Amino acid sequence: MGKDRKHMRKVREKRIESVGKQIDKHEDKIEKEKGRKDTTRAYWRKEIDEKFSKTIEEDEEYLEEN
């Protein structure tokens, strides 16, 4: 069991880091790019707010518990 927790901790830490990078990329797109039909600035903002922020919060909660 301890091995699984250690592995999950590592996975979550890496995911927090990669999601942070993805948020940075999206924020750059919001600032620099105009947007297209299906990928507008509002879409990128929504994705950051709903998807990425939620993932980071869940992973940080997991790390605090374990």
Protein backbone atom coordinates (compact mmCIF):
# COMPACT_ATOMS: atom_id res chain seq x y z
CA MET A 1 0.00 0.00 0.00
CA GLY A 2 2.74 2.47 0.84
CA LYS A 3 4.23 2.07 -2.61
CA ASP A 4 0.92 3.00 -4.26
CA ARG A 5 0.59 6.16 -2.17
CA LYS A 6 4.13 7.19 -2.96
CA HIS A 7 3.49 6.66 -6.66
CA MET A 8 0.19 8.57 -6.58
CA ARG A 9 1.88 11.43 -4.73
CA LYS A 10 4.52 11.65 -7.46
CA VAL A 11 1.89 11.50 -10.20
CA ARG A 12 -0.17 14.26 -8.59
CA GLU A 13 2.87 16.49 -8.08
CA LYS A 14 3.82 16.12 -11.74
CA ARG A 15 0.25 16.77 -12.82
CA ILE A 16 0.08 19.97 -10.77
CA GLU A 17 3.27 21.13 -12.48
CA SER A 18 2.08 20.24 -16.00
CA VAL A 19 -1.36 21.79 -15.48
CA GLY A 20 0.36 24.96 -14.26
CA LYS A 21 2.33 25.07 -17.50
CA GLN A 22 -0.87 24.52 -19.50
CA ILE A 23 -2.52 27.42 -17.67
CA ASP A 24 0.45 29.63 -18.59
CA LYS A 25 0.10 28.60 -22.25
CA HIS A 26 -3.61 29.39 -22.24
CA GLU A 27 -3.02 32.78 -20.63
CA ASP A 28 -0.43 33.57 -23.32
CA LYS A 29 -2.98 32.64 -25.98
CA ILE A 30 -5.56 34.90 -24.35
CA GLU A 31 -3.12 37.82 -24.44
CA LYS A 32 -1.53 37.26 -27.86
CA GLU A 33 -3.89 35.35 -30.12
CA LYS A 34 -7.12 36.52 -31.60
CA GLY A 35 -9.00 33.24 -31.34
CA ARG A 36 -10.88 31.25 -33.94
CA LYS A 37 -14.36 29.84 -34.38
CA ASP A 38 -14.04 27.06 -31.82
CA THR A 39 -11.15 28.34 -29.69
CA THR A 40 -12.02 31.82 -28.56
CA ARG A 41 -10.54 33.74 -25.66
CA ALA A 42 -13.66 32.95 -23.64
CA TYR A 43 -13.10 29.24 -24.32
CA TRP A 44 -9.52 29.38 -23.06
CA ARG A 45 -10.58 31.33 -19.95
CA LYS A 46 -13.41 28.87 -19.28
CA GLU A 47 -11.05 25.92 -19.64
CA ILE A 48 -8.63 27.46 -17.13
CA ASP A 49 -11.39 28.27 -14.64
CA GLU A 50 -13.28 25.00 -14.82
CA LYS A 51 -10.93 22.26 -15.87
CA PHE A 52 -7.41 23.20 -14.83
CA SER A 53 -8.13 24.99 -11.57
CA LYS A 54 -10.37 22.13 -10.42
CA THR A 55 -7.68 19.55 -11.18
CA ILE A 56 -5.04 21.49 -9.25
CA GLU A 57 -7.36 21.93 -6.24
CA GLU A 58 -8.18 18.21 -6.15
CA ASP A 59 -4.53 17.22 -6.40
CA GLU A 60 -3.46 19.67 -3.69
CA GLU A 61 -6.20 18.33 -1.39
CA TYR A 62 -4.96 14.80 -1.99
CA LEU A 63 -1.39 15.81 -1.20
CA GLU A 64 -2.47 17.49 2.03
CA GLU A 65 -4.38 14.39 3.14
CA ASN A 66 -1.56 11.96 2.37
